[in-house]
């Protein structure tokens, strides 16, 4: 089962000259020992896919709504006592 490490640090959002938010926060996470920089709020399965890390899935497809019914994509998340579905768990 893939192991998702905790957040190690985060980068601030980008702001324009008026002080308004123009970008999203990028977070540093670790999946199976590989350090990644991902957009806050993206799902774990999306972050893994972008890094070329395969997480098995059955009901997930990027163009469909998230059901998280099959439970095939369960992953261990640091500081969480039980596995969570990677397709429905956002990076925070």
N, C-alpha and C. Protein backbone atom coordinates (compact mmCIF):
# COMPACT_ATOMS: atom_id res chain seq x y z
N UNK A 1 0.86 -1.18 0.00
CA UNK A 1 0.00 0.00 0.00
C UNK A 1 0.90 1.23 0.00
N UNK A 2 0.68 2.19 -0.91
CA UNK A 2 1.50 3.39 -0.94
C UNK A 2 1.44 4.14 0.39
N UNK A 3 2.53 4.76 0.74
CA UNK A 3 2.62 5.49 2.00
C UNK A 3 2.83 6.96 1.68
N UNK A 4 1.96 7.81 2.20
CA UNK A 4 2.05 9.25 1.99
C UNK A 4 2.58 9.90 3.24
N UNK A 5 3.72 10.53 3.13
CA UNK A 5 4.31 11.22 4.26
C UNK A 5 3.62 12.54 4.51
N UNK A 6 3.91 13.13 5.62
CA UNK A 6 3.29 14.40 5.97
C UNK A 6 3.89 15.56 5.20
N UNK A 7 3.31 16.68 5.38
CA UNK A 7 3.82 17.89 4.75
C UNK A 7 5.10 18.30 5.44
N UNK A 8 6.06 18.70 4.66
CA UNK A 8 7.33 19.11 5.26
C UNK A 8 7.43 20.63 5.34
N UNK A 9 6.83 21.32 4.39
CA UNK A 9 6.82 22.78 4.41
C UNK A 9 5.84 23.24 3.35
N UNK A 10 5.53 24.51 3.33
CA UNK A 10 4.65 25.02 2.28
C UNK A 10 5.21 26.33 1.76
N UNK A 11 4.80 26.68 0.57
CA UNK A 11 5.20 27.95 -0.02
C UNK A 11 3.99 28.86 -0.04
N UNK A 12 4.22 30.13 0.11
CA UNK A 12 3.13 31.10 0.13
C UNK A 12 2.47 31.20 -1.24
N UNK A 13 1.23 31.66 -1.21
CA UNK A 13 0.54 31.92 -2.47
C UNK A 13 1.17 33.12 -3.13
N UNK A 14 1.03 33.20 -4.42
CA UNK A 14 1.56 34.34 -5.16
C UNK A 14 0.57 35.49 -5.09
N UNK A 15 1.06 36.70 -5.00
CA UNK A 15 0.18 37.86 -4.97
C UNK A 15 0.59 38.83 -6.07
N UNK A 16 -0.40 39.56 -6.57
CA UNK A 16 -0.09 40.55 -7.60
C UNK A 16 0.20 41.89 -6.92
N UNK A 17 0.40 42.94 -7.71
CA UNK A 17 0.76 44.24 -7.15
C UNK A 17 -0.32 44.84 -6.27
N UNK A 18 -1.57 44.38 -6.40
CA UNK A 18 -2.65 44.90 -5.57
C UNK A 18 -2.82 44.08 -4.28
N UNK A 19 -1.98 43.06 -4.11
CA UNK A 19 -2.06 42.24 -2.90
C UNK A 19 -3.12 41.15 -2.99
N UNK A 20 -3.68 40.92 -4.16
CA UNK A 20 -4.69 39.87 -4.32
C UNK A 20 -4.03 38.56 -4.69
N UNK A 21 -4.67 37.47 -4.31
CA UNK A 21 -4.12 36.16 -4.61
C UNK A 21 -4.19 35.87 -6.10
N UNK A 22 -3.09 35.40 -6.66
CA UNK A 22 -3.07 35.09 -8.08
C UNK A 22 -2.71 33.64 -8.34
N UNK A 23 -2.25 32.95 -7.34
CA UNK A 23 -1.85 31.55 -7.51
C UNK A 23 -2.37 30.71 -6.37
N UNK A 24 -2.03 29.45 -6.41
CA UNK A 24 -2.44 28.56 -5.34
C UNK A 24 -1.22 28.14 -4.56
N UNK A 25 -1.45 27.72 -3.36
CA UNK A 25 -0.34 27.33 -2.50
C UNK A 25 0.21 25.98 -2.95
N UNK A 26 1.51 25.90 -3.03
CA UNK A 26 2.18 24.66 -3.38
C UNK A 26 2.72 24.05 -2.09
N UNK A 27 2.44 22.77 -1.89
CA UNK A 27 2.87 22.08 -0.69
C UNK A 27 3.89 21.02 -1.03
N UNK A 28 4.79 20.76 -0.12
CA UNK A 28 5.79 19.71 -0.28
C UNK A 28 5.31 18.49 0.48
N UNK A 29 5.15 17.37 -0.23
CA UNK A 29 4.72 16.13 0.40
C UNK A 29 5.70 15.03 -0.02
N UNK A 30 5.49 13.85 0.57
CA UNK A 30 6.33 12.71 0.24
C UNK A 30 5.44 11.50 0.02
N UNK A 31 5.63 10.82 -1.10
CA UNK A 31 4.89 9.59 -1.40
C UNK A 31 5.92 8.51 -1.69
N UNK A 32 5.88 7.44 -0.93
CA UNK A 32 6.83 6.32 -1.09
C UNK A 32 8.28 6.80 -1.14
N UNK A 33 8.61 7.77 -0.29
CA UNK A 33 9.98 8.27 -0.22
C UNK A 33 10.35 9.29 -1.27
N UNK A 34 9.44 9.58 -2.19
CA UNK A 34 9.71 10.56 -3.25
C UNK A 34 9.11 11.90 -2.85
N UNK A 35 9.94 12.93 -2.77
CA UNK A 35 9.47 14.27 -2.40
C UNK A 35 8.82 14.94 -3.60
N UNK A 36 7.63 15.52 -3.39
CA UNK A 36 6.87 16.15 -4.45
C UNK A 36 6.42 17.53 -4.04
N UNK A 37 6.23 18.39 -5.01
CA UNK A 37 5.63 19.70 -4.79
C UNK A 37 4.28 19.66 -5.53
N UNK A 38 3.20 19.80 -4.76
CA UNK A 38 1.87 19.68 -5.36
C UNK A 38 0.99 20.84 -4.93
N UNK A 39 -0.04 21.08 -5.71
CA UNK A 39 -0.98 22.15 -5.43
C UNK A 39 -1.88 21.74 -4.26
N UNK A 40 -2.05 22.66 -3.32
CA UNK A 40 -2.92 22.39 -2.18
C UNK A 40 -4.34 22.12 -2.68
N UNK A 41 -4.97 21.10 -2.13
CA UNK A 41 -6.33 20.75 -2.51
C UNK A 41 -6.42 19.69 -3.59
N UNK A 42 -5.31 19.41 -4.27
CA UNK A 42 -5.36 18.34 -5.26
C UNK A 42 -5.46 17.01 -4.52
N UNK A 43 -6.04 16.02 -5.16
CA UNK A 43 -6.21 14.72 -4.53
C UNK A 43 -4.87 13.97 -4.54
N UNK A 44 -4.67 13.12 -3.57
CA UNK A 44 -3.43 12.35 -3.47
C UNK A 44 -3.20 11.56 -4.75
N UNK A 45 -4.25 10.97 -5.31
CA UNK A 45 -4.09 10.16 -6.52
C UNK A 45 -3.63 11.02 -7.70
N UNK A 46 -4.08 12.27 -7.77
CA UNK A 46 -3.64 13.17 -8.84
C UNK A 46 -2.17 13.54 -8.66
N UNK A 47 -1.75 13.80 -7.43
CA UNK A 47 -0.36 14.12 -7.16
C UNK A 47 0.54 12.94 -7.51
N UNK A 48 0.11 11.75 -7.16
CA UNK A 48 0.88 10.54 -7.47
C UNK A 48 0.97 10.33 -8.97
N UNK A 49 -0.14 10.48 -9.68
CA UNK A 49 -0.14 10.32 -11.13
C UNK A 49 0.82 11.30 -11.80
N UNK A 50 0.80 12.55 -11.35
CA UNK A 50 1.66 13.58 -11.93
C UNK A 50 3.15 13.24 -11.74
N UNK A 51 3.46 12.51 -10.67
CA UNK A 51 4.84 12.14 -10.38
C UNK A 51 5.20 10.77 -10.95
N UNK A 52 4.24 10.12 -11.61
CA UNK A 52 4.51 8.80 -12.18
C UNK A 52 4.46 7.67 -11.16
N UNK A 53 3.82 7.93 -10.02
CA UNK A 53 3.67 6.90 -8.98
C UNK A 53 2.30 6.27 -9.17
N UNK A 54 2.28 4.97 -9.40
CA UNK A 54 1.01 4.30 -9.67
C UNK A 54 0.31 3.90 -8.38
N UNK A 55 -0.95 4.30 -8.25
CA UNK A 55 -1.83 3.84 -7.17
C UNK A 55 -2.96 3.09 -7.85
N UNK A 56 -3.15 1.80 -7.54
CA UNK A 56 -4.22 1.03 -8.17
C UNK A 56 -5.57 1.68 -7.94
N UNK A 57 -6.45 1.60 -8.95
CA UNK A 57 -7.78 2.17 -8.83
C UNK A 57 -8.73 1.38 -9.71
N UNK A 58 -10.00 1.47 -9.36
CA UNK A 58 -11.03 0.83 -10.16
C UNK A 58 -12.10 1.84 -10.56
N UNK A 59 -12.61 2.61 -9.59
CA UNK A 59 -13.73 3.52 -9.87
C UNK A 59 -13.29 4.94 -10.20
N UNK A 60 -12.01 5.27 -10.05
CA UNK A 60 -11.55 6.64 -10.28
C UNK A 60 -11.25 6.90 -11.75
N UNK A 61 -11.73 8.04 -12.23
CA UNK A 61 -11.35 8.56 -13.54
C UNK A 61 -11.39 10.08 -13.42
N UNK A 62 -10.38 10.75 -13.95
CA UNK A 62 -10.26 12.20 -13.77
C UNK A 62 -11.43 12.99 -14.35
N UNK A 63 -12.18 12.42 -15.28
CA UNK A 63 -13.30 13.13 -15.89
C UNK A 63 -14.65 12.81 -15.24
N UNK A 64 -14.65 11.96 -14.24
CA UNK A 64 -15.90 11.59 -13.55
C UNK A 64 -15.89 12.13 -12.13
N UNK A 65 -17.09 12.20 -11.54
CA UNK A 65 -17.17 12.63 -10.14
C UNK A 65 -16.53 11.55 -9.26
N UNK A 66 -16.06 11.97 -8.11
CA UNK A 66 -15.38 11.06 -7.20
C UNK A 66 -16.40 10.26 -6.40
N UNK A 67 -16.30 8.94 -6.49
CA UNK A 67 -17.22 8.07 -5.76
C UNK A 67 -16.54 7.45 -4.55
N UNK A 68 -15.29 7.06 -4.70
CA UNK A 68 -14.51 6.40 -3.64
C UNK A 68 -15.20 5.15 -3.11
N UNK A 69 -15.90 4.46 -3.98
CA UNK A 69 -16.64 3.27 -3.57
C UNK A 69 -15.82 1.99 -3.55
N UNK A 70 -14.90 1.84 -4.48
CA UNK A 70 -14.22 0.56 -4.62
C UNK A 70 -13.16 0.33 -3.55
N UNK A 71 -12.61 1.38 -2.99
CA UNK A 71 -11.59 1.31 -1.94
C UNK A 71 -10.29 0.67 -2.40
N UNK A 72 -10.10 0.55 -3.70
CA UNK A 72 -8.86 -0.03 -4.22
C UNK A 72 -7.68 0.91 -4.04
N UNK A 73 -7.93 2.22 -3.97
CA UNK A 73 -6.84 3.20 -3.91
C UNK A 73 -6.50 3.63 -2.48
N UNK A 74 -6.80 2.79 -1.51
CA UNK A 74 -6.50 3.15 -0.12
C UNK A 74 -4.99 3.33 0.08
N UNK A 75 -4.63 4.38 0.80
CA UNK A 75 -3.23 4.68 1.11
C UNK A 75 -3.09 5.00 2.60
N UNK A 76 -1.91 4.77 3.11
CA UNK A 76 -1.61 5.17 4.49
C UNK A 76 -1.16 6.62 4.46
N UNK A 77 -1.75 7.43 5.33
CA UNK A 77 -1.39 8.84 5.43
C UNK A 77 -0.82 9.06 6.82
N UNK A 78 0.31 9.75 6.87
CA UNK A 78 0.98 10.01 8.14
C UNK A 78 0.03 10.68 9.12
N UNK A 79 0.04 10.22 10.36
CA UNK A 79 -0.75 10.73 11.48
C UNK A 79 -2.25 10.45 11.36
N UNK A 80 -2.64 9.57 10.45
CA UNK A 80 -4.04 9.16 10.33
C UNK A 80 -4.07 7.66 10.67
N UNK A 81 -4.94 7.25 11.60
CA UNK A 81 -4.90 5.87 12.09
C UNK A 81 -5.33 4.78 11.09
N UNK A 82 -6.09 5.13 10.07
CA UNK A 82 -6.51 4.09 9.13
C UNK A 82 -6.35 4.57 7.70
N UNK A 83 -6.25 3.65 6.74
CA UNK A 83 -6.05 4.04 5.33
C UNK A 83 -7.20 4.90 4.81
N UNK A 84 -6.85 5.81 3.88
CA UNK A 84 -7.82 6.71 3.26
C UNK A 84 -7.81 6.49 1.75
N UNK A 85 -8.95 6.75 1.06
CA UNK A 85 -8.95 6.62 -0.39
C UNK A 85 -8.18 7.78 -1.03
N UNK A 86 -7.19 7.46 -1.83
CA UNK A 86 -6.35 8.48 -2.46
C UNK A 86 -7.15 9.33 -3.44
N UNK A 87 -8.23 8.78 -3.99
CA UNK A 87 -9.01 9.53 -4.98
C UNK A 87 -9.87 10.62 -4.33
N UNK A 88 -10.12 10.51 -3.04
CA UNK A 88 -11.02 11.44 -2.35
C UNK A 88 -10.35 12.18 -1.19
N UNK A 89 -9.04 12.06 -1.08
CA UNK A 89 -8.33 12.71 0.02
C UNK A 89 -7.47 13.84 -0.53
N UNK A 90 -7.82 15.09 -0.21
CA UNK A 90 -7.04 16.22 -0.72
C UNK A 90 -5.73 16.40 0.04
N UNK A 91 -4.77 16.96 -0.66
CA UNK A 91 -3.51 17.33 -0.04
C UNK A 91 -3.75 18.65 0.69
N UNK A 92 -3.49 18.67 1.99
CA UNK A 92 -3.67 19.89 2.79
C UNK A 92 -2.46 20.15 3.64
